[in-house]
Protein backbone atom coordinates (compact mmCIF):
# COMPACT_ATOMS: atom_id res chain seq x y z
CA MET A 1 -16.08 -45.29 -16.10
CA ALA A 2 -15.90 -43.83 -19.60
CA GLY A 3 -17.33 -47.04 -21.05
CA ALA A 4 -20.22 -47.03 -18.57
CA ALA A 5 -20.98 -43.40 -19.41
CA GLU A 6 -20.94 -44.23 -23.12
CA ASP A 7 -23.35 -47.13 -22.55
CA ARG A 8 -25.73 -44.85 -20.62
CA ARG A 9 -25.67 -42.28 -23.44
CA GLU A 10 -26.59 -44.96 -25.95
CA LEU A 11 -29.52 -46.09 -23.78
CA CYS A 12 -30.85 -42.53 -23.28
CA THR A 13 -33.90 -41.31 -25.12
CA TRP A 14 -33.12 -38.03 -26.85
CA PRO A 15 -33.94 -35.23 -26.41
CA ARG A 16 -33.81 -35.21 -22.61
CA VAL A 17 -35.16 -32.20 -20.67
CA VAL A 18 -33.57 -31.29 -17.34
CA ARG A 19 -35.42 -28.79 -15.14
CA PRO A 20 -34.74 -27.23 -11.72
CA ASN A 21 -35.20 -29.67 -8.85
CA ARG A 22 -37.91 -29.32 -6.22
CA ARG A 23 -35.76 -27.37 -3.75
CA GLN A 24 -34.62 -24.93 -6.42
CA ARG A 25 -38.17 -24.42 -7.71
CA LEU A 26 -39.46 -23.88 -4.19
CA LEU A 27 -36.68 -21.40 -3.37
CA GLY A 28 -37.22 -19.41 -6.57
CA GLN A 29 -41.00 -19.34 -6.36
CA VAL A 30 -41.10 -18.46 -2.66
CA ALA A 31 -38.60 -15.64 -3.17
CA GLY A 32 -40.59 -14.39 -6.15
CA ALA A 33 -43.89 -14.61 -4.28
CA VAL A 34 -42.49 -12.65 -1.32
CA LEU A 35 -41.20 -9.89 -3.61
CA LEU A 36 -44.48 -9.84 -5.53
CA ALA A 37 -46.55 -9.60 -2.34
CA MET A 38 -44.34 -6.84 -0.92
CA GLY A 39 -44.56 -4.93 -4.18
CA LEU A 40 -48.34 -5.18 -4.43
CA ALA A 41 -48.69 -4.15 -0.78
CA LEU A 42 -46.57 -1.04 -1.35
CA VAL A 43 -48.53 -0.14 -4.48
CA GLY A 44 -51.79 -0.63 -2.56
CA VAL A 45 -50.61 1.64 0.26
CA ALA A 46 -49.54 4.30 -2.24
CA LEU A 47 -52.88 4.21 -4.10
CA SER A 48 -55.03 4.25 -0.96
CA TRP A 49 -53.06 6.97 0.79
CA ARG A 50 -54.64 10.40 0.95
CA PRO A 51 -51.74 12.57 2.03
CA GLU A 52 -51.36 16.29 2.02
CA ARG A 53 -49.80 17.78 -1.07
CA ALA A 54 -46.43 18.00 0.70
CA ALA A 55 -46.39 14.20 0.98
CA ASP A 56 -47.38 13.45 -2.63
CA GLY A 57 -43.76 12.65 -3.46
CA LEU A 58 -43.65 9.91 -0.82
CA SER A 59 -46.66 8.12 -2.31
CA VAL A 60 -45.01 8.22 -5.74
CA ILE A 61 -41.81 6.74 -4.29
CA LEU A 62 -43.83 3.98 -2.60
CA ALA A 63 -45.68 3.20 -5.83
CA VAL A 64 -42.51 3.07 -7.94
CA THR A 65 -40.68 0.95 -5.34
CA GLY A 66 -43.64 -1.41 -5.05
CA LEU A 67 -43.90 -1.74 -8.81
CA GLY A 68 -40.20 -2.62 -8.96
CA PHE A 69 -40.59 -5.30 -6.28
CA ALA A 70 -43.68 -6.72 -7.99
CA LEU A 71 -42.00 -6.90 -11.40
CA GLY A 72 -38.90 -8.48 -9.85
CA GLY A 73 -40.99 -11.09 -8.07
CA ALA A 74 -42.99 -11.92 -11.20
CA TYR A 75 -39.76 -12.23 -13.20
CA CYS A 76 -38.25 -14.54 -10.56
CA ILE A 77 -41.27 -16.86 -10.69
CA ALA A 78 -41.37 -16.88 -14.49
CA TRP A 79 -37.61 -17.41 -14.72
CA ILE A 80 -37.48 -20.47 -12.47
CA ARG A 81 -40.50 -21.99 -14.25
CA SER A 82 -39.03 -21.52 -17.72
CA LYS A 83 -35.45 -22.49 -16.86
CA ARG A 84 -34.35 -25.79 -18.43
CA VAL A 85 -31.56 -27.60 -20.22
CA VAL A 86 -32.39 -29.79 -23.22
CA LEU A 87 -29.88 -32.53 -24.01
CA PHE A 88 -29.46 -34.05 -27.46
CA GLU A 89 -27.02 -36.78 -28.29
CA ASP A 90 -24.76 -34.33 -30.13
CA ALA A 91 -25.92 -30.94 -28.78
CA ILE A 92 -27.11 -29.05 -25.72
CA GLU A 93 -29.81 -26.37 -25.61
CA LEU A 94 -29.90 -23.77 -22.83
CA VAL A 95 -33.26 -22.07 -22.21
CA ASP A 96 -33.24 -18.92 -20.05
CA LEU A 97 -35.94 -16.28 -19.69
CA GLY A 98 -34.77 -13.04 -21.27
CA VAL A 99 -31.99 -14.77 -23.22
CA GLY A 100 -33.93 -17.28 -25.26
CA ARG A 101 -32.73 -20.62 -26.60
CA ARG A 102 -29.03 -21.15 -27.17
CA ARG A 103 -28.06 -24.38 -28.88
CA LEU A 104 -24.49 -25.63 -28.99
CA ARG A 105 -23.31 -28.64 -30.96
CA ARG A 106 -20.79 -30.85 -29.23
CA ASP A 107 -18.24 -30.28 -31.99
CA GLU A 108 -18.53 -26.49 -31.48
CA ILE A 109 -17.44 -26.70 -27.85
CA LEU A 110 -13.74 -26.41 -27.05
CA GLY A 111 -14.16 -27.08 -23.35
CA LEU A 112 -16.11 -26.42 -20.18
CA ARG A 113 -15.48 -24.51 -16.97
CA ILE A 114 -17.68 -25.09 -13.90
CA ILE A 115 -17.70 -22.17 -11.45
CA PRO A 116 -19.17 -22.82 -7.97
CA ARG A 117 -21.83 -20.33 -6.84
CA GLN A 118 -23.71 -19.77 -3.61
CA HIS A 119 -26.16 -22.32 -2.16
CA GLY A 120 -24.63 -25.19 -4.13
CA PHE A 121 -25.44 -23.74 -7.56
CA GLN A 122 -22.96 -23.75 -10.44
CA ARG A 123 -22.24 -21.62 -13.47
CA LEU A 124 -21.35 -23.42 -16.69
CA VAL A 125 -19.03 -21.62 -19.10
CA PHE A 126 -18.75 -23.21 -22.55
CA GLU A 127 -15.71 -21.99 -24.47
CA LEU A 128 -16.10 -22.37 -28.23
CA ARG A 129 -13.68 -23.46 -30.92
CA GLU A 130 -14.51 -20.68 -33.36
CA ALA A 131 -12.15 -17.74 -32.89
CA GLY A 132 -13.85 -14.53 -31.82
CA ARG A 133 -17.00 -16.15 -30.40
CA LYS A 134 -17.68 -15.29 -26.79
CA PRO A 135 -18.05 -18.07 -24.22
CA VAL A 136 -21.63 -19.13 -23.52
CA LYS A 137 -22.55 -18.89 -19.84
CA THR A 138 -25.51 -20.21 -17.90
CA ASP A 139 -26.32 -20.76 -14.24
CA LEU A 140 -27.14 -24.41 -13.67
CA HIS A 141 -30.31 -24.43 -11.58
CA CYS A 142 -31.33 -27.89 -12.76
CA GLU A 143 -31.65 -31.39 -11.38
CA ARG A 144 -28.36 -33.23 -11.77
CA ASP A 145 -28.74 -36.76 -13.10
CA ALA A 146 -26.48 -39.35 -14.70
CA ALA A 147 -27.38 -38.29 -18.25
CA LEU A 148 -26.48 -34.63 -17.66
CA ASP A 149 -23.32 -35.52 -15.73
CA ASP A 150 -22.19 -37.93 -18.46
CA TRP A 151 -22.90 -35.40 -21.21
CA LEU A 152 -20.86 -32.71 -19.44
CA ALA A 153 -18.10 -35.16 -18.46
CA ALA A 154 -17.47 -35.91 -22.14
CA ILE A 155 -16.46 -32.25 -22.69
CA PRO A 156 -12.82 -31.36 -21.89
CA ASP A 157 -12.47 -29.85 -18.41
CA LEU A 158 -10.57 -26.60 -18.99
CA ASP A 159 -10.11 -25.98 -15.27
CA ALA A 160 -8.40 -29.35 -14.83
CA ARG A 161 -6.27 -28.61 -17.90
CA ASP A 162 -5.19 -25.23 -16.49
CA ARG A 163 -4.38 -26.72 -13.08
CA GLY A 164 -2.37 -29.49 -14.72
CA ARG A 165 -0.37 -27.01 -16.79
CA ALA A 166 0.29 -24.79 -13.77
CA GLU A 167 1.46 -27.75 -11.69
CA ALA A 168 3.69 -29.03 -14.50
CA LYS A 169 5.25 -25.57 -14.87
CA LEU A 170 5.85 -25.34 -11.12
CA LEU A 171 7.40 -28.81 -10.98
CA ARG A 172 9.91 -27.85 -13.70
CA ARG A 173 11.53 -25.25 -11.43
CA THR A 174 14.91 -26.63 -10.44
CA GLU A 175 15.28 -24.34 -7.41
CA LEU A 176 12.57 -26.42 -5.70
CA GLY A 177 14.62 -29.61 -6.01
CA GLN A 178 16.88 -31.58 -8.31
CA THR A 179 14.27 -34.19 -9.22
CA GLU A 180 10.53 -34.05 -9.80
CA GLU A 181 10.00 -36.16 -6.68
CA GLU A 182 11.89 -33.61 -4.57
CA ARG A 183 9.82 -30.79 -6.08
CA ARG A 184 6.59 -32.63 -5.31
CA ARG A 185 7.72 -33.08 -1.72
CA ALA A 186 8.55 -29.36 -1.54
CA LEU A 187 5.06 -28.49 -2.82
CA ALA A 188 3.41 -30.88 -0.34
CA ARG A 189 5.50 -29.41 2.49
CA ALA A 190 4.51 -25.88 1.45
CA ARG A 191 0.83 -26.86 1.57
CA ARG A 192 1.24 -28.19 5.11
CA VAL A 193 3.03 -25.01 6.18
CA ALA A 194 0.32 -22.81 4.61
CA ARG A 195 -2.44 -24.77 6.36
CA ALA A 196 -0.64 -24.48 9.70
CA ALA A 197 -0.10 -20.73 9.20
CA THR A 198 -3.77 -20.24 8.35
CA VAL A 199 -4.94 -22.20 11.41
CA LEU A 200 -2.48 -20.32 13.65
CA SER A 201 -3.69 -16.98 12.27
CA ALA A 202 -7.36 -17.85 12.75
CA GLY A 203 -6.70 -19.00 16.31
CA THR A 204 -4.70 -15.89 17.16
CA MET A 205 -7.36 -13.59 15.72
CA ALA A 206 -10.04 -15.32 17.80
CA TRP A 207 -7.80 -15.10 20.89
CA ALA A 208 -7.15 -11.38 20.38
CA LEU A 209 -10.80 -10.61 19.72
CA LEU A 210 -12.55 -12.73 22.35
CA TYR A 211 -10.14 -13.02 25.28
CA PRO A 212 -6.83 -11.18 24.78
CA ARG A 213 -5.08 -12.43 27.93
CA PRO A 214 -2.17 -12.08 28.39
CA TYR A 215 -2.68 -8.90 26.41
CA GLU A 216 0.93 -8.25 25.39
CA ALA A 217 1.35 -11.80 24.11
CA ALA A 218 -1.82 -11.62 22.01
CA VAL A 219 -0.79 -8.29 20.47
CA ALA A 220 2.79 -9.44 19.82
CA THR A 221 1.57 -12.61 18.09
CA LEU A 222 -0.77 -10.61 15.86
CA ALA A 223 2.10 -8.30 14.93
CA ALA A 224 4.56 -11.13 14.26
CA ILE A 225 2.47 -13.37 11.99
CA PRO A 226 2.35 -11.06 8.91
CA LEU A 227 6.10 -10.42 9.18
CA ALA A 228 6.78 -14.16 9.36
CA THR A 229 4.47 -14.64 6.37
CA VAL A 230 6.43 -12.11 4.30
CA ALA A 231 9.63 -13.99 5.20
CA LEU A 232 7.95 -17.24 4.14
CA LEU A 233 6.97 -15.72 0.79
CA LEU A 234 10.54 -14.60 0.18
CA ALA A 235 11.99 -17.97 1.17
CA GLY A 236 9.45 -19.81 -0.98
CA ARG A 237 10.58 -18.05 -4.19
CA GLY A 238 7.16 -18.18 -5.80
CA LEU A 239 6.05 -21.43 -4.16
CA TYR A 240 3.27 -19.63 -2.24
CA ALA A 241 0.36 -17.51 -3.46
CA ILE A 242 -1.57 -14.81 -1.61
CA SER A 243 -4.87 -15.34 -3.39
CA ASP A 244 -7.47 -18.08 -3.57
CA ALA A 245 -7.88 -17.99 -7.33
CA ARG A 246 -10.01 -20.82 -8.66
CA ASN A 247 -7.26 -22.69 -10.50
CA GLU A 248 -4.36 -21.69 -8.26
CA ILE A 249 -2.43 -24.84 -7.34
CA ARG A 250 0.04 -23.13 -4.99
CA PRO A 251 -0.90 -22.91 -1.30
CA SER A 252 -2.32 -19.55 -0.25
CA LEU A 253 -0.94 -17.34 2.53
CA MET A 254 -3.67 -14.71 2.19
CA VAL A 255 -5.14 -15.17 5.68
CA PRO A 256 -1.86 -14.97 7.67
CA LEU A 257 -0.64 -12.06 5.55
CA PHE A 258 -3.69 -9.80 5.86
CA GLY A 259 -5.91 -11.10 8.68
CA PRO A 260 -3.82 -10.47 11.83
CA GLY A 261 -3.09 -6.89 10.79
CA LEU A 262 -6.79 -6.11 10.48
CA PHE A 263 -7.47 -7.52 13.96
CA LEU A 264 -4.46 -5.63 15.34
CA THR A 265 -5.95 -2.39 14.04
CA VAL A 266 -9.34 -3.27 15.55
CA ARG A 267 -7.70 -3.78 18.95
CA ALA A 268 -5.81 -0.48 18.64
CA ILE A 269 -8.98 1.42 17.75
CA PHE A 270 -11.00 0.01 20.65
CA ASP A 271 -8.26 -0.12 23.29
CA LEU A 272 -6.25 3.08 22.77
CA HIS A 273 -7.05 6.78 22.81
CA VAL A 274 -4.50 8.46 20.55
CA ILE A 275 -4.01 12.22 20.30
CA ASP A 276 -1.16 12.77 17.83
CA TRP A 277 -2.10 10.11 15.29
CA GLU A 278 -1.05 12.14 12.22
CA PRO A 279 2.75 11.54 12.54
CA SER A 280 2.19 7.78 12.64
CA LEU A 281 0.63 7.95 9.17
CA VAL A 282 4.05 8.76 7.67
CA TRP A 283 5.65 5.72 9.31
CA THR A 284 2.67 3.59 8.36
CA ALA A 285 3.01 4.60 4.71
CA LEU A 286 6.76 3.88 4.65
CA VAL A 287 6.47 0.48 6.33
CA THR A 288 3.49 -0.49 4.17
CA LEU A 289 5.38 0.42 1.01
CA ALA A 290 8.41 -1.61 2.12
CA LEU A 291 6.26 -4.65 2.96
CA THR A 292 4.44 -4.38 -0.37
CA VAL A 293 7.73 -4.39 -2.27
CA LEU A 294 8.86 -7.50 -0.36
CA VAL A 295 5.56 -9.25 -1.08
CA MET A 296 5.90 -8.47 -4.79
CA VAL A 297 9.41 -9.94 -4.74
CA GLY A 298 8.20 -13.08 -2.97
CA GLU A 299 5.15 -13.51 -5.22
CA PRO A 300 6.21 -12.55 -8.78
CA GLY A 301 2.81 -13.52 -10.20
CA LEU A 302 1.32 -10.36 -8.74
CA ARG A 303 3.34 -8.23 -11.14
CA ARG A 304 1.29 -9.45 -14.10
CA ARG A 305 -1.78 -7.50 -12.91
CA TRP A 306 -1.46 -3.74 -12.56
CA PHE A 307 -4.05 -3.51 -9.77
CA ALA A 308 -2.52 -6.26 -7.61
CA PRO A 309 0.16 -4.07 -5.95
CA LEU A 310 -2.49 -1.49 -5.06
CA GLY A 311 -4.68 -4.14 -3.45
CA VAL A 312 -1.74 -5.53 -1.46
CA LEU A 313 -0.80 -2.00 -0.37
CA LEU A 314 -4.30 -1.21 0.89
CA PHE A 315 -4.82 -4.47 2.80
CA LEU A 316 -1.31 -4.48 4.28
CA ALA A 317 -1.63 -0.92 5.64
CA ALA A 318 -3.68 -2.12 8.62
CA HIS A 319 -0.75 -4.10 10.02
CA PRO A 320 1.89 -1.35 10.38
CA TRP A 321 -0.67 1.17 11.61
CA GLY A 322 -1.97 -1.14 14.34
CA ALA A 323 1.52 -2.40 15.22
CA LEU A 324 2.91 1.13 15.57
CA GLN A 325 0.03 2.25 17.78
CA MET A 326 0.39 -0.79 20.01
CA ALA A 327 4.19 -0.48 20.23
CA ASN A 328 3.87 3.22 21.07
CA ALA A 329 1.58 2.40 24.01
CA LEU A 330 2.91 -0.92 25.32
CA LEU A 331 6.57 0.16 25.23
CA ASP A 332 5.84 3.47 26.96
CA ARG A 333 7.39 3.22 30.45
CA SER A 334 7.09 6.92 31.35
CA GLU A 335 5.09 8.27 34.28
CA PRO A 336 1.68 9.51 33.12
CA GLU A 337 0.37 13.01 33.73
CA VAL A 338 -2.96 12.52 35.52
CA LEU A 339 -5.68 15.12 34.90
CA ARG A 340 -9.15 15.35 36.43
CA VAL A 341 -11.71 16.05 33.71
CA ALA A 342 -15.41 16.92 34.04
CA VAL A 343 -18.04 14.69 32.41
CA LEU A 344 -20.46 16.91 30.47
CA ASP A 345 -22.76 14.21 29.09
CA LYS A 346 -23.06 10.46 28.56
CA HIS A 347 -25.03 8.29 26.14
CA ILE A 348 -25.07 4.89 24.46
CA THR A 349 -25.05 4.40 20.70
CA SER A 350 -26.03 1.13 19.02
CA ALA A 351 -25.32 1.19 15.29
CA LYS A 352 -23.77 -2.29 15.00
CA ARG A 353 -22.54 -2.71 18.58
CA LEU A 354 -23.18 -0.90 21.83
CA LYS A 355 -20.81 2.00 22.44
CA HIS A 356 -20.67 3.78 25.79
CA ARG A 357 -19.77 7.41 25.13
CA LEU A 358 -18.72 10.18 27.52
CA ARG A 359 -18.53 13.84 26.54
CA LEU A 360 -15.56 15.40 28.34
CA ALA A 361 -14.72 19.03 29.02
CA PRO A 362 -11.55 20.46 27.43
CA TRP A 363 -8.38 19.16 29.08
CA GLY A 364 -4.65 19.41 28.34
CA PRO A 365 -4.11 19.10 24.58
CA ALA A 366 -7.70 17.94 23.90
CA GLN A 367 -10.74 20.00 23.03
CA GLU A 368 -14.23 19.20 24.28
CA GLY A 369 -15.30 15.92 22.70
CA GLU A 370 -16.56 12.37 23.09
CA VAL A 371 -14.64 9.23 23.94
CA THR A 372 -15.69 5.58 24.06
CA VAL A 373 -15.28 3.83 27.42
CA ASP A 374 -16.09 0.41 28.82
CA SER A 375 -19.47 -0.28 30.38
CA ASP A 376 -18.10 -0.43 33.95
CA LEU A 377 -16.66 3.09 33.79
CA TYR A 378 -19.79 4.35 32.03
CA GLU A 379 -22.00 3.08 34.85
CA ALA A 380 -19.64 4.35 37.56
CA VAL A 381 -19.57 8.02 36.54
CA GLU A 382 -22.39 10.53 36.38
CA VAL A 383 -22.90 13.69 34.36
CA GLY A 384 -21.27 16.51 36.32
CA GLY A 385 -18.78 14.13 37.90
CA GLU A 386 -15.14 13.62 37.00
CA VAL A 387 -12.92 11.02 35.40
CA CYS A 388 -9.14 10.85 35.54
CA VAL A 389 -7.19 10.97 32.30
CA ALA A 390 -3.67 9.52 32.30
CA LEU A 391 -1.77 11.29 29.51
CA GLN A 392 1.43 9.64 28.30
CA PRO A 393 4.02 10.81 25.74
CA GLY A 394 4.28 7.46 23.93
CA ALA A 395 7.38 5.38 23.25
CA LEU A 396 7.38 6.59 19.63
CA GLY A 397 6.41 10.17 20.44
CA VAL A 398 2.69 9.74 19.74
CA ARG A 399 0.73 10.97 22.75
CA TRP A 400 -2.03 8.72 24.04
CA PHE A 401 -4.17 8.45 27.14
CA LEU A 402 -6.23 6.15 29.31
CA ILE A 403 -9.45 7.04 31.13
CA GLY A 404 -10.44 5.68 34.52
CA ARG A 405 -12.18 6.45 37.79
CA CYS A 406 -10.39 8.93 40.01
CA ASP A 407 -10.80 6.76 43.11
CA GLU A 408 -8.89 3.83 41.61
């Protein structure tokens, strides 16, 4: 392969210009044209408008906004038309609007990193040999051909180097096995376990969101997965990661650690009406702190970044809060106190999803206020009618209630 690439380089005619392909040019020019047209339309509206003096400010805002859109669209068109990479046998030249020409000799380049971007684009990061010089970055919006691929392939791949070093370091850890072969088997087994945990988590989250039946089983599974994941982290002794960093060679447990807790909280918010939610915040904080400490023990790499524990703490908090609310309700076997409450008003809101809201008169420990109900109950009751509220003390001492029709 290397010999074939070398032969192709010798047969190339230098310099060789590589420009954006047809799809990239079309995407950039259409986006720019849309922005330009929108901007000119807004400017036209602002200039032709004859408002009263009180509305003069609005016409100025329209004109400034339109000018911004128009300039952005024009820049987008000019940028995609001027974008190119010029290859020489011993150098590469990057041409970007607003940055100019940047030429790098092959012997100046220490190595290359290729960062995937959206829509199949890539960012090239050239790290240089000279100490103190910043890496040179460019987004590759150009047609890939054999000449460009061969030129880039001849530069050391720093990502592959980093992954190789990380894997070699991991495979030197004797607690994973006595021989390198045993350690490789342990790493392969950990990857299978992480994939299975991720698939199980995704399936459970879909189950709990779309059709949580049987309800108790769905909730219990959501609550158990993050706890099992923490245990897996501790047992793995650094074999698992909880991030999807670009050059991370360890299998990630990010989805099973954080995902089910978020869905558990969503279910608690939509399914339960809680009155005394403040006391549960103390327990949530204590459990979250304990889980965060255990995660930091199981994944020592997080300690190298000061912000990592804070991020883990924030994302983990959803799990204990949702689990405590669900346990408080599902383990409550007491007889409810049933109260008849007048319906003062009803309406539907539709910010991101339809919400059926009832405004209830003061009752028991609650002041006058709105609650969200299901569509069946919303249609069944009328303003001036009554609903029945079943107030329960909660297994953990956090009062909660259910709302239903009084004739049920």
